């Protein structure tokens, strides 16, 4: 399994996503489940969890009108927000800062698709699709196609500013990220967050729980981190380095940014190597261990 694309091709994830989508939709609206086709599955999976999250919040507030919307109306309404892209149907949104939710489920404010939302401006949808083009050129398009179906652009930053991106387990196949207006840079951050979503799905599909009593030094944060967070970093950052190395030749405006990213990642991956070798042994599934190791070691060769 030397090829990175092969390492990311895990049938158990697709089975898991179909089962979880069906379970979520059955809970929302019993008897209404229509299995999505392969191209529609990533967005159907993402939307099922947005609806579930919104419905739970509405129920806690005793807001029966909104609860009914999430149960009965949200499906076709949200589906109409999707636009066709080179990676399949996507929803791209750009909520204002005051629309973001602060809650116990995420350290960072996040957003749940709801009855009042609208799609992002056409220019941002084009930016996302251009980013997909850069991603496709790197061979990581299947990763992003499956694990970044809803893209929430949280704000524009200058190239010299720190970009914030994140994903949360309660909203799989959804990515939250700042952007600079450069598609190649956005592509890098979509790969990073799609990687987190991939690993979350892989662990869930294989029924793996990583022990939380072991910590490892993270060179990316400069501190000890639990094994779960450390392994996530050891998967997502190598994939961004692979992306940067492959995308740089075709990224005229962002070539320097991507080259800088590669230079930054090399010493960090080297510093993480020994702890990664130990931490990955906490994953009991040999095939998943091999996949994570292949991605990490491939990035080390760049």
Protein backbone atom coordinates (compact mmCIF):
# COMPACT_ATOMS: atom_id res chain seq x y z
CA UNK A 1 0.00 0.00 0.00
CA UNK A 2 2.62 2.50 -1.09
CA UNK A 3 0.23 4.80 -2.91
CA UNK A 4 -1.31 7.55 -0.77
CA UNK A 5 -4.64 7.35 -2.62
CA UNK A 6 -4.77 3.61 -1.90
CA UNK A 7 -4.07 4.25 1.77
CA UNK A 8 -7.08 6.56 1.90
CA UNK A 9 -9.41 4.10 0.15
CA UNK A 10 -11.14 2.35 3.07
CA UNK A 11 -14.38 0.54 2.23
CA UNK A 12 -15.42 0.41 5.90
CA UNK A 13 -15.83 4.19 5.87
CA UNK A 14 -18.38 4.10 3.05
CA UNK A 15 -20.37 1.39 4.81
CA UNK A 16 -20.25 3.36 8.04
CA UNK A 17 -21.42 6.55 6.36
CA UNK A 18 -24.36 4.81 4.68
CA UNK A 19 -25.44 3.25 7.97
CA UNK A 20 -25.09 6.47 9.96
CA UNK A 21 -26.90 8.53 7.31
CA UNK A 22 -29.80 6.08 7.31
CA UNK A 23 -29.91 5.99 11.12
CA UNK A 24 -29.92 9.80 11.41
CA UNK A 25 -32.63 10.24 8.79
CA UNK A 26 -34.75 7.49 10.34
CA UNK A 27 -34.51 9.23 13.68
CA UNK A 28 -35.54 12.56 12.14
CA UNK A 29 -38.31 11.27 9.90
CA UNK A 30 -39.10 7.53 10.29
CA UNK A 31 -40.02 5.80 7.05
CA UNK A 32 -38.64 8.50 4.78
CA UNK A 33 -35.15 7.17 4.10
CA UNK A 34 -34.07 6.91 0.47
CA UNK A 35 -30.50 5.57 0.12
CA UNK A 36 -28.31 8.14 -1.67
CA UNK A 37 -26.20 7.14 -4.64
CA UNK A 38 -22.43 7.13 -4.36
CA UNK A 39 -21.93 10.70 -5.62
CA UNK A 40 -24.63 12.08 -3.33
CA UNK A 41 -23.53 10.18 -0.21
CA UNK A 42 -20.98 12.71 1.13
CA UNK A 43 -23.48 15.58 1.08
CA UNK A 44 -26.34 13.40 2.33
CA UNK A 45 -24.14 12.29 5.23
CA UNK A 46 -23.17 15.86 6.10
CA UNK A 47 -26.72 17.18 5.84
CA UNK A 48 -28.13 14.37 7.98
CA UNK A 49 -25.87 15.45 10.83
CA UNK A 50 -26.59 19.15 10.39
CA UNK A 51 -30.30 18.32 10.58
CA UNK A 52 -29.77 16.12 13.63
CA UNK A 53 -27.72 18.81 15.38
CA UNK A 54 -30.27 21.51 14.56
CA UNK A 55 -33.19 19.33 15.62
CA UNK A 56 -31.57 18.51 18.94
CA UNK A 57 -30.89 22.19 19.64
CA UNK A 58 -34.47 23.13 18.72
CA UNK A 59 -35.88 20.38 20.94
CA UNK A 60 -33.81 21.58 23.89
CA UNK A 61 -35.20 25.10 23.36
CA UNK A 62 -38.73 23.67 22.90
CA UNK A 63 -38.86 25.41 19.55
CA UNK A 64 -41.40 23.17 17.81
CA UNK A 65 -41.47 25.24 14.62
CA UNK A 66 -37.74 24.87 14.00
CA UNK A 67 -37.79 21.25 15.12
CA UNK A 68 -40.51 20.53 12.55
CA UNK A 69 -38.44 22.30 9.86
CA UNK A 70 -35.40 20.10 10.55
CA UNK A 71 -37.53 16.95 10.59
CA UNK A 72 -39.76 17.56 7.58
CA UNK A 73 -38.59 20.46 5.42
CA UNK A 74 -34.83 20.73 5.76
CA UNK A 75 -33.92 17.86 3.43
CA UNK A 76 -35.11 19.30 0.09
CA UNK A 77 -34.48 22.90 1.18
CA UNK A 78 -30.83 22.31 2.03
CA UNK A 79 -30.29 20.10 -1.00
CA UNK A 80 -31.28 23.04 -3.22
CA UNK A 81 -28.35 25.02 -1.81
CA UNK A 82 -25.90 22.53 -3.26
CA UNK A 83 -24.04 23.44 -6.40
CA UNK A 84 -22.39 21.11 -8.85
CA UNK A 85 -18.61 21.04 -8.60
CA UNK A 86 -15.79 18.97 -10.02
CA UNK A 87 -15.89 16.94 -6.77
CA UNK A 88 -19.64 16.42 -6.81
CA UNK A 89 -22.46 18.36 -5.09
CA UNK A 90 -21.16 20.80 -2.45
CA UNK A 91 -22.64 23.44 -0.19
CA UNK A 92 -20.41 26.48 0.35
CA UNK A 93 -21.49 28.99 3.00
CA UNK A 94 -19.94 32.08 4.54
CA UNK A 95 -21.84 33.03 7.70
CA UNK A 96 -21.17 36.25 9.60
CA UNK A 97 -19.26 35.99 12.86
CA UNK A 98 -22.42 36.71 14.89
CA UNK A 99 -24.14 33.71 13.30
CA UNK A 100 -21.56 31.26 14.61
CA UNK A 101 -22.51 29.11 17.60
CA UNK A 102 -20.55 28.98 20.82
CA UNK A 103 -21.23 25.77 22.69
CA UNK A 104 -19.77 22.82 24.58
CA UNK A 105 -19.17 20.70 21.48
CA UNK A 106 -16.31 22.74 20.00
CA UNK A 107 -13.52 24.94 21.31
CA UNK A 108 -14.18 27.23 18.34
CA UNK A 109 -17.46 28.82 17.25
CA UNK A 110 -19.14 26.70 14.57
CA UNK A 111 -22.22 26.85 12.36
CA UNK A 112 -25.19 24.57 11.75
CA UNK A 113 -27.19 24.81 8.53
CA UNK A 114 -30.63 26.18 9.31
CA UNK A 115 -33.84 27.65 7.88
CA UNK A 116 -32.46 31.18 7.48
CA UNK A 117 -29.16 30.38 5.83
CA UNK A 118 -28.10 31.24 2.29
CA UNK A 119 -25.25 30.02 0.15
CA UNK A 120 -21.99 31.90 -0.11
CA UNK A 121 -21.47 34.55 -2.77
CA UNK A 122 -20.80 33.18 -6.24
CA UNK A 123 -17.18 34.34 -6.04
CA UNK A 124 -16.61 32.13 -2.99
CA UNK A 125 -18.25 29.13 -4.65
CA UNK A 126 -15.89 29.68 -7.60
CA UNK A 127 -12.94 29.96 -5.19
CA UNK A 128 -13.87 26.62 -3.63
CA UNK A 129 -14.24 24.97 -7.04
CA UNK A 130 -10.86 26.33 -8.10
CA UNK A 131 -9.42 24.86 -4.90
CA UNK A 132 -10.94 21.52 -5.90
CA UNK A 133 -9.04 21.80 -9.16
CA UNK A 134 -5.73 22.14 -7.31
CA UNK A 135 -6.69 19.22 -5.06
CA UNK A 136 -7.58 17.02 -8.04
CA UNK A 137 -4.14 17.70 -9.53
CA UNK A 138 -2.55 16.23 -6.37
CA UNK A 139 -4.54 12.99 -6.40
CA UNK A 140 -6.22 13.85 -3.09
CA UNK A 141 -9.58 14.64 -4.66
CA UNK A 142 -11.30 11.47 -3.39
CA UNK A 143 -10.38 12.46 0.18
CA UNK A 144 -11.88 15.94 -0.14
CA UNK A 145 -14.83 14.79 -2.24
CA UNK A 146 -15.88 12.41 0.53
CA UNK A 147 -15.00 14.43 3.61
CA UNK A 148 -15.61 18.11 2.77
CA UNK A 149 -19.16 18.19 1.40
CA UNK A 150 -20.17 21.29 3.37
CA UNK A 151 -17.56 24.06 3.38
CA UNK A 152 -18.03 26.92 5.80
CA UNK A 153 -15.74 29.84 4.96
CA UNK A 154 -15.32 31.65 8.27
CA UNK A 155 -13.57 34.78 7.08
CA UNK A 156 -10.96 36.26 4.78
CA UNK A 157 -7.45 36.86 6.09
CA UNK A 158 -4.36 38.49 4.67
CA UNK A 159 -1.66 36.09 3.47
CA UNK A 160 0.54 37.13 6.42
CA UNK A 161 -2.15 36.33 8.99
CA UNK A 162 -2.66 33.00 10.73
CA UNK A 163 -5.43 30.95 9.15
CA UNK A 164 -7.82 29.06 11.38
CA UNK A 165 -9.45 25.85 10.22
CA UNK A 166 -11.20 23.06 12.08
CA UNK A 167 -13.66 20.19 11.95
CA UNK A 168 -15.89 18.79 14.70
CA UNK A 169 -16.97 15.21 15.20
CA UNK A 170 -20.66 16.14 15.52
CA UNK A 171 -20.69 17.48 11.95
CA UNK A 172 -18.83 14.95 9.79
CA UNK A 173 -18.01 15.83 6.19
CA UNK A 174 -18.12 19.52 7.14
CA UNK A 175 -15.07 21.79 7.08
CA UNK A 176 -14.68 25.23 8.66
CA UNK A 177 -11.83 27.39 7.40
CA UNK A 178 -10.59 30.91 6.86
CA UNK A 179 -9.23 31.77 3.43
CA UNK A 180 -6.90 34.27 1.77
CA UNK A 181 -8.68 34.39 -1.57
CA UNK A 182 -6.09 32.05 -3.09
CA UNK A 183 -7.53 28.73 -4.28
CA UNK A 184 -4.30 26.75 -3.86
CA UNK A 185 -3.97 27.80 -0.22
CA UNK A 186 -7.63 26.99 0.40
CA UNK A 187 -7.00 23.58 -1.15
CA UNK A 188 -4.31 22.88 1.45
CA UNK A 189 -6.65 23.69 4.33
CA UNK A 190 -9.50 21.66 2.85
CA UNK A 191 -7.15 18.67 2.66
CA UNK A 192 -6.13 19.21 6.29
CA UNK A 193 -9.67 19.23 7.65
CA UNK A 194 -10.90 16.48 5.32
CA UNK A 195 -8.07 14.36 6.78
CA UNK A 196 -9.44 14.91 10.29
CA UNK A 197 -12.90 13.91 9.12
CA UNK A 198 -11.47 10.81 7.37
CA UNK A 199 -9.71 9.64 10.52
CA UNK A 200 -12.77 10.25 12.69
CA UNK A 201 -14.85 8.16 10.28
CA UNK A 202 -12.21 5.43 10.09
CA UNK A 203 -12.03 5.11 13.88
CA UNK A 204 -15.82 5.03 14.14
CA UNK A 205 -16.21 2.54 11.29
CA UNK A 206 -13.70 0.17 12.86
CA UNK A 207 -15.07 0.72 16.40
CA UNK A 208 -11.72 1.96 17.69
CA UNK A 209 -11.33 4.11 20.80
CA UNK A 210 -7.87 5.54 21.37
CA UNK A 211 -6.89 5.51 25.07
CA UNK A 212 -6.90 9.01 26.57
CA UNK A 213 -4.34 8.33 29.30
CA UNK A 214 -1.29 8.57 27.02
CA UNK A 215 0.23 11.87 25.90
CA UNK A 216 2.87 12.72 23.31
CA UNK A 217 4.78 15.87 22.52
CA UNK A 218 3.30 17.72 19.57
CA UNK A 219 5.87 19.82 17.69
CA UNK A 220 2.96 21.62 15.98
CA UNK A 221 1.63 22.94 19.29
CA UNK A 222 4.77 22.76 21.38
CA UNK A 223 3.03 20.86 24.17
CA UNK A 224 1.97 17.40 25.30
CA UNK A 225 -1.22 16.19 23.65
CA UNK A 226 -3.44 13.15 24.20
CA UNK A 227 -2.81 10.31 21.78
CA UNK A 228 -6.02 11.03 19.86
CA UNK A 229 -5.07 14.62 19.04
CA UNK A 230 -1.45 13.72 18.41
CA UNK A 231 -2.35 10.98 15.92
CA UNK A 232 -4.76 13.32 14.18
CA UNK A 233 -1.92 15.81 13.71
CA UNK A 234 0.38 13.04 12.47
CA UNK A 235 -2.17 12.24 9.77
CA UNK A 236 -3.46 15.67 8.73
CA UNK A 237 -0.15 17.56 8.54
CA UNK A 238 1.61 14.93 6.41
CA UNK A 239 -1.30 15.11 3.96
CA UNK A 240 -0.99 18.89 3.74
CA UNK A 241 2.71 18.47 3.02
CA UNK A 242 1.94 15.94 0.29
CA UNK A 243 -0.62 18.37 -1.11
CA UNK A 244 1.81 21.30 -1.00
CA UNK A 245 4.56 19.35 -2.76
CA UNK A 246 2.23 18.18 -5.52
CA UNK A 247 0.25 21.42 -5.93
CA UNK A 248 3.17 23.85 -5.90
CA UNK A 249 4.16 23.48 -9.59
CA UNK A 250 0.68 24.56 -10.71
CA UNK A 251 0.09 27.18 -8.04
CA UNK A 252 1.67 30.29 -9.49
CA UNK A 253 0.45 32.82 -6.93
CA UNK A 254 0.79 30.54 -3.92
CA UNK A 255 3.97 28.68 -4.85
CA UNK A 256 5.98 30.49 -2.17
CA UNK A 257 3.33 29.85 0.49
CA UNK A 258 3.26 26.15 -0.33
CA UNK A 259 7.05 25.90 -0.42
CA UNK A 260 7.19 27.59 3.01
CA UNK A 261 4.64 25.07 4.28
CA UNK A 262 6.84 22.20 3.13
CA UNK A 263 9.88 23.73 4.82
CA UNK A 264 7.96 24.18 8.07
CA UNK A 265 6.61 20.64 8.07
CA UNK A 266 9.89 18.79 7.52
CA UNK A 267 11.42 19.45 10.96
CA UNK A 268 8.07 19.00 12.68
CA UNK A 269 7.51 15.61 11.10
CA UNK A 270 11.05 14.62 11.99
CA UNK A 271 10.49 15.69 15.60
CA UNK A 272 7.25 13.70 15.76
CA UNK A 273 8.66 10.51 14.19
CA UNK A 274 9.63 8.57 17.35
CA UNK A 275 6.47 9.43 19.26
CA UNK A 276 4.36 8.66 16.19
CA UNK A 277 5.97 5.22 15.96
CA UNK A 278 4.92 4.57 19.53
CA UNK A 279 1.49 6.22 19.40
CA UNK A 280 0.29 4.48 16.24
CA UNK A 281 0.64 1.13 18.07
CA UNK A 282 -2.38 2.19 20.16
CA UNK A 283 -4.53 1.56 17.08
CA UNK A 284 -5.48 -2.14 17.26
CA UNK A 285 -6.41 -2.54 13.57
CA UNK A 286 -3.23 -3.48 11.63
CA UNK A 287 -4.57 -2.19 8.29
CA UNK A 288 -5.42 1.23 9.70
CA UNK A 289 -2.02 1.42 11.39
CA UNK A 290 -0.41 0.68 8.04
CA UNK A 291 -2.45 3.36 6.30
CA UNK A 292 -1.47 6.04 8.81
CA UNK A 293 2.16 4.97 8.72
CA UNK A 294 2.28 5.00 4.92
CA UNK A 295 0.91 8.56 4.78
CA UNK A 296 3.36 9.74 7.48
CA UNK A 297 6.40 8.07 5.94
CA UNK A 298 5.53 9.26 2.43
CA UNK A 299 5.51 12.85 3.69
CA UNK A 300 8.89 12.25 5.37
CA UNK A 301 10.41 11.48 1.96
CA UNK A 302 9.45 14.86 0.49
